[in-house]
N, C-alpha and C. Protein backbone atom coordinates (compact mmCIF):
# COMPACT_ATOMS: atom_id res chain seq x y z
N MET A 1 -17.97 -5.96 -2.99
CA MET A 1 -16.95 -5.97 -1.96
C MET A 1 -16.34 -7.37 -1.88
N LYS A 2 -15.07 -7.38 -1.56
CA LYS A 2 -14.34 -8.62 -1.44
C LYS A 2 -13.35 -8.48 -0.30
N THR A 3 -13.08 -9.55 0.39
CA THR A 3 -12.06 -9.52 1.44
C THR A 3 -10.82 -10.23 0.92
N VAL A 4 -9.67 -9.63 1.19
CA VAL A 4 -8.39 -10.21 0.81
C VAL A 4 -7.45 -10.13 2.00
N THR A 5 -6.43 -10.95 1.97
CA THR A 5 -5.45 -10.98 3.04
C THR A 5 -4.33 -10.00 2.74
N THR A 6 -3.95 -9.22 3.74
CA THR A 6 -2.87 -8.26 3.58
C THR A 6 -1.52 -8.95 3.77
N GLN A 7 -0.47 -8.17 3.66
CA GLN A 7 0.89 -8.67 3.84
C GLN A 7 1.08 -9.26 5.22
N TYR A 8 0.42 -8.70 6.21
CA TYR A 8 0.60 -9.13 7.60
C TYR A 8 -0.43 -10.14 8.07
N GLY A 9 -1.27 -10.64 7.16
CA GLY A 9 -2.21 -11.69 7.50
C GLY A 9 -3.58 -11.21 7.94
N TYR A 10 -3.84 -9.90 7.90
CA TYR A 10 -5.15 -9.38 8.27
C TYR A 10 -6.06 -9.37 7.06
N LEU A 11 -7.36 -9.43 7.31
CA LEU A 11 -8.33 -9.32 6.23
C LEU A 11 -8.73 -7.86 6.04
N THR A 12 -8.87 -7.44 4.80
CA THR A 12 -9.30 -6.09 4.50
C THR A 12 -10.30 -6.13 3.35
N PHE A 13 -11.16 -5.13 3.29
CA PHE A 13 -12.15 -5.04 2.24
C PHE A 13 -11.61 -4.24 1.07
N ILE A 14 -11.92 -4.70 -0.14
CA ILE A 14 -11.64 -3.93 -1.34
C ILE A 14 -12.91 -3.87 -2.17
N ASN A 15 -13.08 -2.78 -2.92
CA ASN A 15 -14.30 -2.64 -3.71
C ASN A 15 -14.19 -3.46 -5.01
N ASN A 16 -15.25 -3.47 -5.81
CA ASN A 16 -15.30 -4.31 -7.00
C ASN A 16 -14.28 -3.91 -8.05
N ILE A 17 -14.03 -2.62 -8.20
CA ILE A 17 -13.06 -2.16 -9.19
C ILE A 17 -11.65 -2.58 -8.79
N GLU A 18 -11.33 -2.43 -7.51
CA GLU A 18 -10.03 -2.87 -7.01
C GLU A 18 -9.91 -4.39 -7.09
N ALA A 19 -11.02 -5.10 -6.92
CA ALA A 19 -11.00 -6.56 -6.98
C ALA A 19 -10.66 -7.04 -8.39
N LYS A 20 -11.13 -6.35 -9.41
CA LYS A 20 -10.80 -6.72 -10.79
C LYS A 20 -9.30 -6.58 -11.04
N VAL A 21 -8.73 -5.49 -10.57
CA VAL A 21 -7.29 -5.27 -10.73
C VAL A 21 -6.51 -6.31 -9.93
N PHE A 22 -6.93 -6.56 -8.71
CA PHE A 22 -6.26 -7.55 -7.85
C PHE A 22 -6.30 -8.93 -8.49
N ASP A 23 -7.45 -9.35 -9.00
CA ASP A 23 -7.57 -10.67 -9.62
C ASP A 23 -6.69 -10.78 -10.86
N LYS A 24 -6.62 -9.70 -11.64
CA LYS A 24 -5.79 -9.68 -12.84
C LYS A 24 -4.31 -9.87 -12.47
N ILE A 25 -3.86 -9.16 -11.45
CA ILE A 25 -2.46 -9.24 -11.04
C ILE A 25 -2.17 -10.58 -10.38
N LYS A 26 -3.07 -11.08 -9.57
CA LYS A 26 -2.86 -12.37 -8.90
C LYS A 26 -2.84 -13.51 -9.92
N TYR A 27 -3.67 -13.43 -10.95
CA TYR A 27 -3.72 -14.48 -11.97
C TYR A 27 -2.43 -14.52 -12.78
N CYS A 28 -1.90 -13.35 -13.13
CA CYS A 28 -0.69 -13.27 -13.95
C CYS A 28 0.58 -13.34 -13.12
N ASP A 29 0.49 -13.26 -11.82
CA ASP A 29 1.60 -13.28 -10.87
C ASP A 29 2.45 -12.02 -10.91
N PHE A 30 2.62 -11.38 -12.05
CA PHE A 30 3.34 -10.11 -12.17
C PHE A 30 2.78 -9.38 -13.37
N VAL A 31 2.41 -8.11 -13.17
CA VAL A 31 1.88 -7.28 -14.25
C VAL A 31 2.71 -6.01 -14.31
N SER A 32 3.22 -5.71 -15.48
CA SER A 32 4.03 -4.51 -15.68
C SER A 32 3.16 -3.26 -15.59
N VAL A 33 3.75 -2.17 -15.13
CA VAL A 33 3.03 -0.90 -15.03
C VAL A 33 2.59 -0.43 -16.41
N ASN A 34 3.42 -0.69 -17.43
CA ASN A 34 3.12 -0.23 -18.78
C ASN A 34 1.92 -0.94 -19.41
N SER A 35 1.55 -2.11 -18.91
CA SER A 35 0.43 -2.84 -19.48
C SER A 35 -0.91 -2.48 -18.84
N LEU A 36 -0.90 -1.63 -17.82
CA LEU A 36 -2.13 -1.23 -17.14
C LEU A 36 -2.62 0.11 -17.65
N SER A 37 -3.93 0.30 -17.60
CA SER A 37 -4.49 1.61 -17.94
C SER A 37 -4.29 2.56 -16.77
N GLU A 38 -4.59 3.83 -16.99
CA GLU A 38 -4.38 4.84 -15.94
C GLU A 38 -5.24 4.55 -14.71
N SER A 39 -6.48 4.15 -14.91
CA SER A 39 -7.35 3.85 -13.76
C SER A 39 -6.89 2.58 -13.04
N GLU A 40 -6.38 1.59 -13.78
CA GLU A 40 -5.88 0.38 -13.14
C GLU A 40 -4.62 0.68 -12.33
N LYS A 41 -3.77 1.57 -12.82
CA LYS A 41 -2.58 1.98 -12.07
C LYS A 41 -2.97 2.65 -10.76
N TYR A 42 -3.98 3.53 -10.84
CA TYR A 42 -4.44 4.22 -9.64
C TYR A 42 -4.96 3.22 -8.61
N ASN A 43 -5.79 2.27 -9.06
CA ASN A 43 -6.34 1.27 -8.14
C ASN A 43 -5.26 0.35 -7.60
N ALA A 44 -4.26 0.02 -8.42
CA ALA A 44 -3.16 -0.82 -7.95
C ALA A 44 -2.35 -0.07 -6.89
N ASP A 45 -2.14 1.23 -7.08
CA ASP A 45 -1.43 2.02 -6.07
C ASP A 45 -2.22 2.09 -4.77
N GLN A 46 -3.53 2.15 -4.86
CA GLN A 46 -4.36 2.12 -3.65
C GLN A 46 -4.21 0.79 -2.92
N LEU A 47 -4.10 -0.30 -3.67
CA LEU A 47 -3.92 -1.61 -3.06
C LEU A 47 -2.53 -1.77 -2.45
N VAL A 48 -1.55 -1.08 -3.01
CA VAL A 48 -0.21 -1.08 -2.41
C VAL A 48 -0.26 -0.38 -1.06
N GLN A 49 -1.01 0.71 -0.98
CA GLN A 49 -1.14 1.43 0.29
C GLN A 49 -1.88 0.60 1.34
N LYS A 50 -2.77 -0.28 0.89
CA LYS A 50 -3.51 -1.15 1.82
C LYS A 50 -2.73 -2.42 2.15
N ASN A 51 -1.49 -2.55 1.65
CA ASN A 51 -0.63 -3.72 1.85
C ASN A 51 -1.22 -5.00 1.27
N VAL A 52 -1.94 -4.88 0.16
CA VAL A 52 -2.48 -6.05 -0.52
C VAL A 52 -1.57 -6.44 -1.68
N LEU A 53 -1.03 -5.46 -2.39
CA LEU A 53 -0.09 -5.68 -3.49
C LEU A 53 1.25 -5.07 -3.12
N GLU A 54 2.29 -5.50 -3.84
CA GLU A 54 3.58 -4.87 -3.69
C GLU A 54 4.09 -4.43 -5.05
N LYS A 55 4.79 -3.31 -5.07
CA LYS A 55 5.37 -2.78 -6.29
C LYS A 55 6.82 -3.23 -6.34
N VAL A 56 7.18 -3.97 -7.39
CA VAL A 56 8.51 -4.57 -7.46
C VAL A 56 9.14 -4.30 -8.83
N LYS A 57 10.47 -4.46 -8.87
CA LYS A 57 11.20 -4.42 -10.13
C LYS A 57 11.59 -5.86 -10.46
N GLN A 58 11.23 -6.27 -11.67
CA GLN A 58 11.53 -7.64 -12.09
C GLN A 58 12.01 -7.59 -13.53
N HIS A 59 13.22 -8.07 -13.78
CA HIS A 59 13.81 -8.06 -15.11
C HIS A 59 13.78 -6.67 -15.73
N GLU A 60 14.22 -5.68 -14.97
CA GLU A 60 14.31 -4.28 -15.39
C GLU A 60 12.96 -3.66 -15.72
N LYS A 61 11.87 -4.25 -15.26
CA LYS A 61 10.53 -3.70 -15.44
C LYS A 61 9.91 -3.48 -14.06
N THR A 62 9.19 -2.40 -13.93
CA THR A 62 8.47 -2.13 -12.68
C THR A 62 7.05 -2.62 -12.84
N GLY A 63 6.55 -3.28 -11.81
CA GLY A 63 5.20 -3.80 -11.89
C GLY A 63 4.65 -4.14 -10.52
N TYR A 64 3.53 -4.82 -10.51
CA TYR A 64 2.83 -5.17 -9.29
C TYR A 64 2.76 -6.69 -9.14
N ARG A 65 2.78 -7.12 -7.87
CA ARG A 65 2.68 -8.53 -7.56
C ARG A 65 1.87 -8.67 -6.27
N ALA A 66 1.05 -9.70 -6.20
CA ALA A 66 0.27 -9.95 -4.99
C ALA A 66 1.16 -10.67 -3.98
N PHE A 67 0.96 -10.38 -2.71
CA PHE A 67 1.71 -11.06 -1.67
C PHE A 67 1.31 -12.52 -1.63
N SER A 68 2.28 -13.39 -1.42
CA SER A 68 1.97 -14.81 -1.31
C SER A 68 1.39 -15.07 0.07
N THR A 69 0.39 -15.90 0.12
CA THR A 69 -0.27 -16.23 1.37
C THR A 69 0.43 -17.40 2.03
N LYS A 70 0.83 -17.24 3.25
CA LYS A 70 1.48 -18.30 4.00
C LYS A 70 0.48 -18.92 4.94
N ILE A 71 0.41 -20.21 4.93
CA ILE A 71 -0.54 -20.94 5.78
C ILE A 71 0.22 -21.51 6.98
N ARG A 72 -0.25 -21.15 8.16
CA ARG A 72 0.37 -21.71 9.38
C ARG A 72 -0.30 -23.00 9.73
N LEU A 73 0.50 -24.01 9.97
CA LEU A 73 -0.03 -25.33 10.32
C LEU A 73 0.12 -25.58 11.79
């Protein structure tokens, strides 16, 4: 289990399989849908529903991106 910050600044739990997908997408900043396996796509869609990832179009490709964390000072 891992805790990550959602789009709205709340913490949520994700399981280990979702954490692998999240870390992969966060490391690459943008991952195309075509480069993911079927199970990774499913887990990424689950993370979109939890407001952890967002599905975006970038350079005519659809893919996933992690929300940027804003720090309030």
